[in-house]
């Protein structure tokens, strides 16, 4: 099981691959083959998704959609696929929207946050080996709760930032951010409309800072992926023995 499926939320294949950002080299450094797929629209990436039980890990990326909005046409199918992965014990890494979707599948609540978070922020962490204090790149207006039975790992004063549930990890921030991923976001905004004014005003400064922090952000992403997969390997055998 050496395949990492990364689900993006863009029908354009070129943007979809860029949205993976530094997660691709981080996963490949762990010996995994990265496959990019989507549940969105009519896309070259939209193929029959593999049985999640056959994956080493499933990574669910960010989206401009809300994980609580059941009018989103592709959301039900994606939540069902995510549940299949959880049910199979395949480690899931949920990133921003992906973390919110993972929380929802596990019984948590996703809602609009009273105030969004944008930019590189430090977080309070209870497990610095898994999720260091940061800085991590934030760009979100929604937030999730810690699902029943899950463990809060990190937070800011505005939102939970990370939780674990079995071998799974949901994060509210964007460990994958690099200039290519951010440029893909900006192309999407040209099609769907700009982000809220308070966030749009920050974009030039954020673009510059992402470029300046690229090496350290990539290294942090690589450490997070390695720790996530290492923890998943340690947690899953114990669960298997309990089930037996």
C-alpha atoms as a PDB file:
ATOM      1  CA  UNK A   1       0.000   0.000   0.000  1.00  0.00           C
ATOM      2  CA  UNK A   2       2.370   2.693  -1.234  1.00  0.00           C
ATOM      3  CA  UNK A   3      -0.020   5.107  -2.947  1.00  0.00           C
ATOM      4  CA  UNK A   4      -1.036   8.476  -1.545  1.00  0.00           C
ATOM      5  CA  UNK A   5      -4.241   9.774  -3.109  1.00  0.00           C
ATOM      6  CA  UNK A   6      -4.546  13.547  -2.837  1.00  0.00           C
ATOM      7  CA  UNK A   7      -8.058  14.883  -3.411  1.00  0.00           C
ATOM      8  CA  UNK A   8      -8.162  18.451  -4.714  1.00  0.00           C
ATOM      9  CA  UNK A   9     -11.239  20.560  -5.397  1.00  0.00           C
ATOM     10  CA  UNK A  10     -10.604  22.033  -8.823  1.00  0.00           C
ATOM     11  CA  UNK A  11     -11.724  20.680 -12.183  1.00  0.00           C
ATOM     12  CA  UNK A  12      -8.654  22.136 -13.925  1.00  0.00           C
ATOM     13  CA  UNK A  13      -5.923  19.481 -13.921  1.00  0.00           C
ATOM     14  CA  UNK A  14      -3.028  21.944 -14.097  1.00  0.00           C
ATOM     15  CA  UNK A  15      -4.247  23.911 -11.095  1.00  0.00           C
ATOM     16  CA  UNK A  16      -5.142  20.688  -9.313  1.00  0.00           C
ATOM     17  CA  UNK A  17      -1.556  19.444  -9.418  1.00  0.00           C
ATOM     18  CA  UNK A  18      -0.214  22.808  -8.240  1.00  0.00           C
ATOM     19  CA  UNK A  19      -2.658  22.855  -5.331  1.00  0.00           C
ATOM     20  CA  UNK A  20      -0.817  19.886  -3.806  1.00  0.00           C
ATOM     21  CA  UNK A  21       2.157  22.187  -3.222  1.00  0.00           C
ATOM     22  CA  UNK A  22       4.882  20.902  -0.920  1.00  0.00           C
ATOM     23  CA  UNK A  23       2.817  17.882   0.080  1.00  0.00           C
ATOM     24  CA  UNK A  24       3.913  16.093  -3.109  1.00  0.00           C
ATOM     25  CA  UNK A  25       7.658  16.092  -2.329  1.00  0.00           C
ATOM     26  CA  UNK A  26       6.909  15.438   1.342  1.00  0.00           C
ATOM     27  CA  UNK A  27       4.893  12.317   0.495  1.00  0.00           C
ATOM     28  CA  UNK A  28       7.369  11.176  -2.151  1.00  0.00           C
ATOM     29  CA  UNK A  29      10.189  11.495   0.393  1.00  0.00           C
ATOM     30  CA  UNK A  30       8.336   8.819   2.401  1.00  0.00           C
ATOM     31  CA  UNK A  31       8.478   6.444  -0.577  1.00  0.00           C
ATOM     32  CA  UNK A  32       4.914   7.043  -1.742  1.00  0.00           C
ATOM     33  CA  UNK A  33       3.544   7.426  -5.237  1.00  0.00           C
ATOM     34  CA  UNK A  34       1.326  10.510  -5.341  1.00  0.00           C
ATOM     35  CA  UNK A  35      -1.897  10.339  -7.340  1.00  0.00           C
ATOM     36  CA  UNK A  36      -3.991  13.496  -7.659  1.00  0.00           C
ATOM     37  CA  UNK A  37      -7.747  13.072  -7.980  1.00  0.00           C
ATOM     38  CA  UNK A  38     -10.914  15.085  -7.558  1.00  0.00           C
ATOM     39  CA  UNK A  39     -14.637  14.670  -7.001  1.00  0.00           C
ATOM     40  CA  UNK A  40     -15.365  18.029  -8.651  1.00  0.00           C
ATOM     41  CA  UNK A  41     -17.024  18.568 -12.007  1.00  0.00           C
ATOM     42  CA  UNK A  42     -15.899  17.320 -15.397  1.00  0.00           C
ATOM     43  CA  UNK A  43     -12.149  16.997 -14.960  1.00  0.00           C
ATOM     44  CA  UNK A  44      -9.291  14.889 -16.355  1.00  0.00           C
ATOM     45  CA  UNK A  45      -8.604  14.111 -12.709  1.00  0.00           C
ATOM     46  CA  UNK A  46     -12.135  12.721 -12.277  1.00  0.00           C
ATOM     47  CA  UNK A  47     -11.657   9.002 -12.694  1.00  0.00           C
ATOM     48  CA  UNK A  48     -12.871   6.051 -10.718  1.00  0.00           C
ATOM     49  CA  UNK A  49     -11.284   6.662  -7.356  1.00  0.00           C
ATOM     50  CA  UNK A  50      -9.388   3.654  -5.992  1.00  0.00           C
ATOM     51  CA  UNK A  51     -10.629   1.543  -3.135  1.00  0.00           C
ATOM     52  CA  UNK A  52      -9.469   3.587  -0.147  1.00  0.00           C
ATOM     53  CA  UNK A  53      -8.478   0.376   1.638  1.00  0.00           C
ATOM     54  CA  UNK A  54      -5.731  -0.036  -0.987  1.00  0.00           C
ATOM     55  CA  UNK A  55      -4.153   3.355  -0.208  1.00  0.00           C
ATOM     56  CA  UNK A  56      -1.275   4.076   2.114  1.00  0.00           C
ATOM     57  CA  UNK A  57      -2.931   7.386   2.903  1.00  0.00           C
ATOM     58  CA  UNK A  58      -5.702   9.695   1.698  1.00  0.00           C
ATOM     59  CA  UNK A  59      -5.047  13.436   1.750  1.00  0.00           C
ATOM     60  CA  UNK A  60      -8.023  15.784   1.369  1.00  0.00           C
ATOM     61  CA  UNK A  61      -7.103  19.348   0.439  1.00  0.00           C
ATOM     62  CA  UNK A  62      -8.678  22.764   0.845  1.00  0.00           C
ATOM     63  CA  UNK A  63     -11.641  24.225  -1.028  1.00  0.00           C
ATOM     64  CA  UNK A  64     -13.545  27.438  -1.418  1.00  0.00           C
ATOM     65  CA  UNK A  65     -16.699  25.462  -0.618  1.00  0.00           C
ATOM     66  CA  UNK A  66     -18.020  24.987   2.900  1.00  0.00           C
ATOM     67  CA  UNK A  67     -17.890  21.485   4.358  1.00  0.00           C
ATOM     68  CA  UNK A  68     -21.287  22.087   5.997  1.00  0.00           C
ATOM     69  CA  UNK A  69     -23.048  23.199   2.790  1.00  0.00           C
ATOM     70  CA  UNK A  70     -25.020  20.225   1.515  1.00  0.00           C
ATOM     71  CA  UNK A  71     -25.987  22.123  -1.647  1.00  0.00           C
ATOM     72  CA  UNK A  72     -22.408  21.674  -2.924  1.00  0.00           C
ATOM     73  CA  UNK A  73     -23.007  19.117  -5.701  1.00  0.00           C
ATOM     74  CA  UNK A  74     -19.952  16.932  -5.099  1.00  0.00           C
ATOM     75  CA  UNK A  75     -19.848  17.088  -1.297  1.00  0.00           C
ATOM     76  CA  UNK A  76     -22.043  14.066  -0.496  1.00  0.00           C
ATOM     77  CA  UNK A  77     -19.978  11.763  -2.709  1.00  0.00           C
ATOM     78  CA  UNK A  78     -16.733  13.028  -1.205  1.00  0.00           C
ATOM     79  CA  UNK A  79     -17.941  12.615   2.373  1.00  0.00           C
ATOM     80  CA  UNK A  80     -19.042   9.068   1.510  1.00  0.00           C
ATOM     81  CA  UNK A  81     -15.601   8.284   0.066  1.00  0.00           C
ATOM     82  CA  UNK A  82     -13.927   9.797   3.103  1.00  0.00           C
ATOM     83  CA  UNK A  83     -16.078   7.644   5.370  1.00  0.00           C
ATOM     84  CA  UNK A  84     -15.022   4.547   3.429  1.00  0.00           C
ATOM     85  CA  UNK A  85     -11.385   5.470   4.035  1.00  0.00           C
ATOM     86  CA  UNK A  86     -12.000   5.971   7.751  1.00  0.00           C
ATOM     87  CA  UNK A  87     -13.943   2.712   7.957  1.00  0.00           C
ATOM     88  CA  UNK A  88     -11.085   0.880   6.216  1.00  0.00           C
ATOM     89  CA  UNK A  89      -8.526   2.303   8.632  1.00  0.00           C
ATOM     90  CA  UNK A  90      -6.662   4.144   5.874  1.00  0.00           C
ATOM     91  CA  UNK A  91      -4.875   7.111   7.484  1.00  0.00           C
ATOM     92  CA  UNK A  92      -6.490  10.381   6.422  1.00  0.00           C
ATOM     93  CA  UNK A  93      -4.754  13.743   6.457  1.00  0.00           C
ATOM     94  CA  UNK A  94      -7.354  16.495   6.165  1.00  0.00           C
ATOM     95  CA  UNK A  95      -6.093  19.968   5.237  1.00  0.00           C
ATOM     96  CA  UNK A  96      -8.285  23.016   5.989  1.00  0.00           C
ATOM     97  CA  UNK A  97     -11.545  22.063   4.177  1.00  0.00           C
ATOM     98  CA  UNK A  98     -10.253  18.481   4.308  1.00  0.00           C
ATOM     99  CA  UNK A  99      -9.849  18.727   8.077  1.00  0.00           C
ATOM    100  CA  UNK A 100     -13.365  20.113   8.323  1.00  0.00           C
ATOM    101  CA  UNK A 101     -14.732  17.270   6.190  1.00  0.00           C
ATOM    102  CA  UNK A 102     -12.874  14.733   8.334  1.00  0.00           C
ATOM    103  CA  UNK A 103     -14.320  16.314  11.476  1.00  0.00           C
ATOM    104  CA  UNK A 104     -17.827  16.150  10.012  1.00  0.00           C
ATOM    105  CA  UNK A 105     -17.479  12.491   8.989  1.00  0.00           C
ATOM    106  CA  UNK A 106     -16.328  11.650  12.521  1.00  0.00           C
ATOM    107  CA  UNK A 107     -19.268  13.449  14.147  1.00  0.00           C
ATOM    108  CA  UNK A 108     -17.808  16.914  14.647  1.00  0.00           C
ATOM    109  CA  UNK A 109     -19.407  20.222  13.679  1.00  0.00           C
ATOM    110  CA  UNK A 110     -18.240  22.597  10.961  1.00  0.00           C
ATOM    111  CA  UNK A 111     -19.472  26.188  10.914  1.00  0.00           C
ATOM    112  CA  UNK A 112     -18.506  29.685   9.883  1.00  0.00           C
ATOM    113  CA  UNK A 113     -16.008  31.159  12.311  1.00  0.00           C
ATOM    114  CA  UNK A 114     -16.721  34.498  14.010  1.00  0.00           C
ATOM    115  CA  UNK A 115     -13.472  35.733  12.460  1.00  0.00           C
ATOM    116  CA  UNK A 116     -11.193  34.187   9.876  1.00  0.00           C
ATOM    117  CA  UNK A 117      -7.443  33.623  10.085  1.00  0.00           C
ATOM    118  CA  UNK A 118      -5.054  34.650   7.305  1.00  0.00           C
ATOM    119  CA  UNK A 119      -1.280  34.491   7.190  1.00  0.00           C
ATOM    120  CA  UNK A 120       1.502  32.700   9.034  1.00  0.00           C
ATOM    121  CA  UNK A 121       0.470  32.132  12.643  1.00  0.00           C
ATOM    122  CA  UNK A 122       1.861  30.225  15.582  1.00  0.00           C
ATOM    123  CA  UNK A 123      -0.425  27.741  17.328  1.00  0.00           C
ATOM    124  CA  UNK A 124      -0.629  26.357  20.834  1.00  0.00           C
ATOM    125  CA  UNK A 125       0.253  22.677  20.607  1.00  0.00           C
ATOM    126  CA  UNK A 126      -0.110  19.725  22.940  1.00  0.00           C
ATOM    127  CA  UNK A 127       2.079  17.523  20.725  1.00  0.00           C
ATOM    128  CA  UNK A 128       4.998  19.411  19.238  1.00  0.00           C
ATOM    129  CA  UNK A 129       6.428  16.211  17.734  1.00  0.00           C
ATOM    130  CA  UNK A 130       3.332  15.886  15.537  1.00  0.00           C
ATOM    131  CA  UNK A 131       2.253  19.511  15.090  1.00  0.00           C
ATOM    132  CA  UNK A 132       4.949  22.021  16.059  1.00  0.00           C
ATOM    133  CA  UNK A 133       3.925  25.491  17.185  1.00  0.00           C
ATOM    134  CA  UNK A 134       4.522  26.905  13.729  1.00  0.00           C
ATOM    135  CA  UNK A 135       4.398  29.270  12.022  1.00  0.00           C
ATOM    136  CA  UNK A 136       1.701  27.672   9.848  1.00  0.00           C
ATOM    137  CA  UNK A 137      -0.125  29.337   6.981  1.00  0.00           C
ATOM    138  CA  UNK A 138      -3.800  30.054   7.658  1.00  0.00           C
ATOM    139  CA  UNK A 139      -6.450  31.043   5.134  1.00  0.00           C
ATOM    140  CA  UNK A 140      -9.950  30.149   6.262  1.00  0.00           C
ATOM    141  CA  UNK A 141     -13.274  31.556   7.377  1.00  0.00           C
ATOM    142  CA  UNK A 142     -14.817  28.325   8.701  1.00  0.00           C
ATOM    143  CA  UNK A 143     -13.750  26.111  11.577  1.00  0.00           C
ATOM    144  CA  UNK A 144     -14.329  22.617  12.958  1.00  0.00           C
ATOM    145  CA  UNK A 145     -14.857  21.109  16.385  1.00  0.00           C
ATOM    146  CA  UNK A 146     -12.927  18.158  17.752  1.00  0.00           C
ATOM    147  CA  UNK A 147     -15.042  15.085  16.928  1.00  0.00           C
ATOM    148  CA  UNK A 148     -16.273  12.823  19.735  1.00  0.00           C
ATOM    149  CA  UNK A 149     -13.459  10.551  20.899  1.00  0.00           C
ATOM    150  CA  UNK A 150     -10.803  12.530  19.039  1.00  0.00           C
ATOM    151  CA  UNK A 151      -7.953  14.431  20.695  1.00  0.00           C
ATOM    152  CA  UNK A 152      -7.252  18.125  20.255  1.00  0.00           C
ATOM    153  CA  UNK A 153      -3.620  18.663  19.297  1.00  0.00           C
ATOM    154  CA  UNK A 154      -3.359  22.372  18.486  1.00  0.00           C
ATOM    155  CA  UNK A 155      -5.382  25.574  18.585  1.00  0.00           C
ATOM    156  CA  UNK A 156      -5.368  29.340  18.341  1.00  0.00           C
ATOM    157  CA  UNK A 157      -7.694  31.640  20.218  1.00  0.00           C
ATOM    158  CA  UNK A 158     -10.008  31.595  17.173  1.00  0.00           C
ATOM    159  CA  UNK A 159     -10.139  27.954  16.131  1.00  0.00           C
ATOM    160  CA  UNK A 160      -9.040  24.400  16.771  1.00  0.00           C
ATOM    161  CA  UNK A 161      -6.027  23.854  14.532  1.00  0.00           C
ATOM    162  CA  UNK A 162      -5.444  20.093  14.684  1.00  0.00           C
ATOM    163  CA  UNK A 163      -6.942  16.896  16.048  1.00  0.00           C
ATOM    164  CA  UNK A 164      -6.158  13.201  15.897  1.00  0.00           C
ATOM    165  CA  UNK A 165      -8.631  10.342  15.730  1.00  0.00           C
ATOM    166  CA  UNK A 166      -7.054   6.908  15.456  1.00  0.00           C
ATOM    167  CA  UNK A 167      -4.517   7.149  12.612  1.00  0.00           C
ATOM    168  CA  UNK A 168      -6.146  10.279  11.178  1.00  0.00           C
ATOM    169  CA  UNK A 169      -5.035  13.898  11.439  1.00  0.00           C
ATOM    170  CA  UNK A 170      -7.128  16.951  10.636  1.00  0.00           C
ATOM    171  CA  UNK A 171      -5.477  20.368  10.436  1.00  0.00           C
ATOM    172  CA  UNK A 172      -7.012  23.783   9.892  1.00  0.00           C
ATOM    173  CA  UNK A 173      -3.873  25.344   8.406  1.00  0.00           C
ATOM    174  CA  UNK A 174      -2.170  24.814   5.033  1.00  0.00           C
ATOM    175  CA  UNK A 175       1.146  22.941   5.392  1.00  0.00           C
ATOM    176  CA  UNK A 176       1.328  22.621   1.583  1.00  0.00           C
ATOM    177  CA  UNK A 177       1.585  26.338   0.855  1.00  0.00           C
ATOM    178  CA  UNK A 178       4.172  27.465  -1.682  1.00  0.00           C
ATOM    179  CA  UNK A 179       4.140  30.097  -4.458  1.00  0.00           C
ATOM    180  CA  UNK A 180       2.716  27.627  -6.990  1.00  0.00           C
ATOM    181  CA  UNK A 181      -0.183  26.616  -4.750  1.00  0.00           C
ATOM    182  CA  UNK A 182      -0.976  30.232  -3.915  1.00  0.00           C
ATOM    183  CA  UNK A 183      -0.918  31.223  -7.594  1.00  0.00           C
ATOM    184  CA  UNK A 184      -3.428  28.432  -8.256  1.00  0.00           C
ATOM    185  CA  UNK A 185      -5.667  29.911  -5.554  1.00  0.00           C
ATOM    186  CA  UNK A 186      -5.412  33.322  -7.202  1.00  0.00           C
ATOM    187  CA  UNK A 187      -6.380  31.872 -10.595  1.00  0.00           C
ATOM    188  CA  UNK A 188      -9.433  30.310  -8.966  1.00  0.00           C
ATOM    189  CA  UNK A 189     -10.429  33.647  -7.459  1.00  0.00           C
ATOM    190  CA  UNK A 190     -10.340  35.177 -10.959  1.00  0.00           C
ATOM    191  CA  UNK A 191     -13.045  32.675 -11.957  1.00  0.00           C
ATOM    192  CA  UNK A 192     -15.178  32.539  -8.817  1.00  0.00           C
ATOM    193  CA  UNK A 193     -14.747  36.028  -7.410  1.00  0.00           C
ATOM    194  CA  UNK A 194     -12.266  37.502  -4.939  1.00  0.00           C
ATOM    195  CA  UNK A 195     -12.001  36.498  -1.301  1.00  0.00           C
ATOM    196  CA  UNK A 196     -13.684  38.698   1.342  1.00  0.00           C
ATOM    197  CA  UNK A 197     -12.313  42.268   1.399  1.00  0.00           C
ATOM    198  CA  UNK A 198     -10.486  41.816   4.706  1.00  0.00           C
ATOM    199  CA  UNK A 199      -8.640  38.827   3.220  1.00  0.00           C
ATOM    200  CA  UNK A 200      -8.179  40.252  -0.282  1.00  0.00           C
ATOM    201  CA  UNK A 201      -6.340  43.261   1.127  1.00  0.00           C
ATOM    202  CA  UNK A 202      -3.718  40.941   2.570  1.00  0.00           C
ATOM    203  CA  UNK A 203      -2.996  39.036  -0.659  1.00  0.00           C
ATOM    204  CA  UNK A 204       0.017  41.016  -1.941  1.00  0.00           C
ATOM    205  CA  UNK A 205       1.776  40.779   1.415  1.00  0.00           C
ATOM    206  CA  UNK A 206       0.892  37.108   1.794  1.00  0.00           C
ATOM    207  CA  UNK A 207       2.200  36.329  -1.700  1.00  0.00           C
ATOM    208  CA  UNK A 208       5.515  37.978  -0.827  1.00  0.00           C
ATOM    209  CA  UNK A 209       5.797  36.241   2.540  1.00  0.00           C
ATOM    210  CA  UNK A 210       5.004  32.820   1.046  1.00  0.00           C
ATOM    211  CA  UNK A 211       7.936  33.279  -1.318  1.00  0.00           C
ATOM    212  CA  UNK A 212      10.239  34.392   1.471  1.00  0.00           C
ATOM    213  CA  UNK A 213       9.273  31.508   3.749  1.00  0.00           C
ATOM    214  CA  UNK A 214       9.216  28.818   1.037  1.00  0.00           C
ATOM    215  CA  UNK A 215      12.235  26.759   2.241  1.00  0.00           C
ATOM    216  CA  UNK A 216      11.217  26.683   5.894  1.00  0.00           C
ATOM    217  CA  UNK A 217       7.553  26.043   5.045  1.00  0.00           C
ATOM    218  CA  UNK A 218       8.525  23.093   2.834  1.00  0.00           C
ATOM    219  CA  UNK A 219      10.688  21.661   5.616  1.00  0.00           C
ATOM    220  CA  UNK A 220       7.841  22.019   8.119  1.00  0.00           C
ATOM    221  CA  UNK A 221       5.460  20.248   5.740  1.00  0.00           C
ATOM    222  CA  UNK A 222       7.932  17.389   5.290  1.00  0.00           C
ATOM    223  CA  UNK A 223       8.281  16.972   9.062  1.00  0.00           C
ATOM    224  CA  UNK A 224       4.497  17.008   9.529  1.00  0.00           C
ATOM    225  CA  UNK A 225       3.955  14.323   6.865  1.00  0.00           C
ATOM    226  CA  UNK A 226       6.706  12.117   8.292  1.00  0.00           C
ATOM    227  CA  UNK A 227       5.294  12.441  11.824  1.00  0.00           C
ATOM    228  CA  UNK A 228       1.730  11.809  10.607  1.00  0.00           C
ATOM    229  CA  UNK A 229       2.675   8.610   8.778  1.00  0.00           C
ATOM    230  CA  UNK A 230       4.914   7.404  11.602  1.00  0.00           C
ATOM    231  CA  UNK A 231       2.127   7.935  14.113  1.00  0.00           C
ATOM    232  CA  UNK A 232      -0.392   6.206  11.834  1.00  0.00           C
ATOM    233  CA  UNK A 233       1.885   3.152  11.657  1.00  0.00           C
ATOM    234  CA  UNK A 234       2.108   3.053  15.451  1.00  0.00           C
ATOM    235  CA  UNK A 235      -1.624   3.542  16.059  1.00  0.00           C
ATOM    236  CA  UNK A 236      -3.052   1.149  13.471  1.00  0.00           C
ATOM    237  CA  UNK A 237      -1.502  -2.108  14.800  1.00  0.00           C
ATOM    238  CA  UNK A 238      -2.876  -1.392  18.251  1.00  0.00           C
ATOM    239  CA  UNK A 239      -6.327  -0.837  16.770  1.00  0.00           C
ATOM    240  CA  UNK A 240      -6.061  -4.041  14.736  1.00  0.00           C
ATOM    241  CA  UNK A 241      -5.156  -6.051  17.852  1.00  0.00           C
ATOM    242  CA  UNK A 242      -8.065  -4.513  19.750  1.00  0.00           C
ATOM    243  CA  UNK A 243     -10.458  -5.403  16.943  1.00  0.00           C
ATOM    244  CA  UNK A 244      -9.173  -8.977  16.911  1.00  0.00           C
END
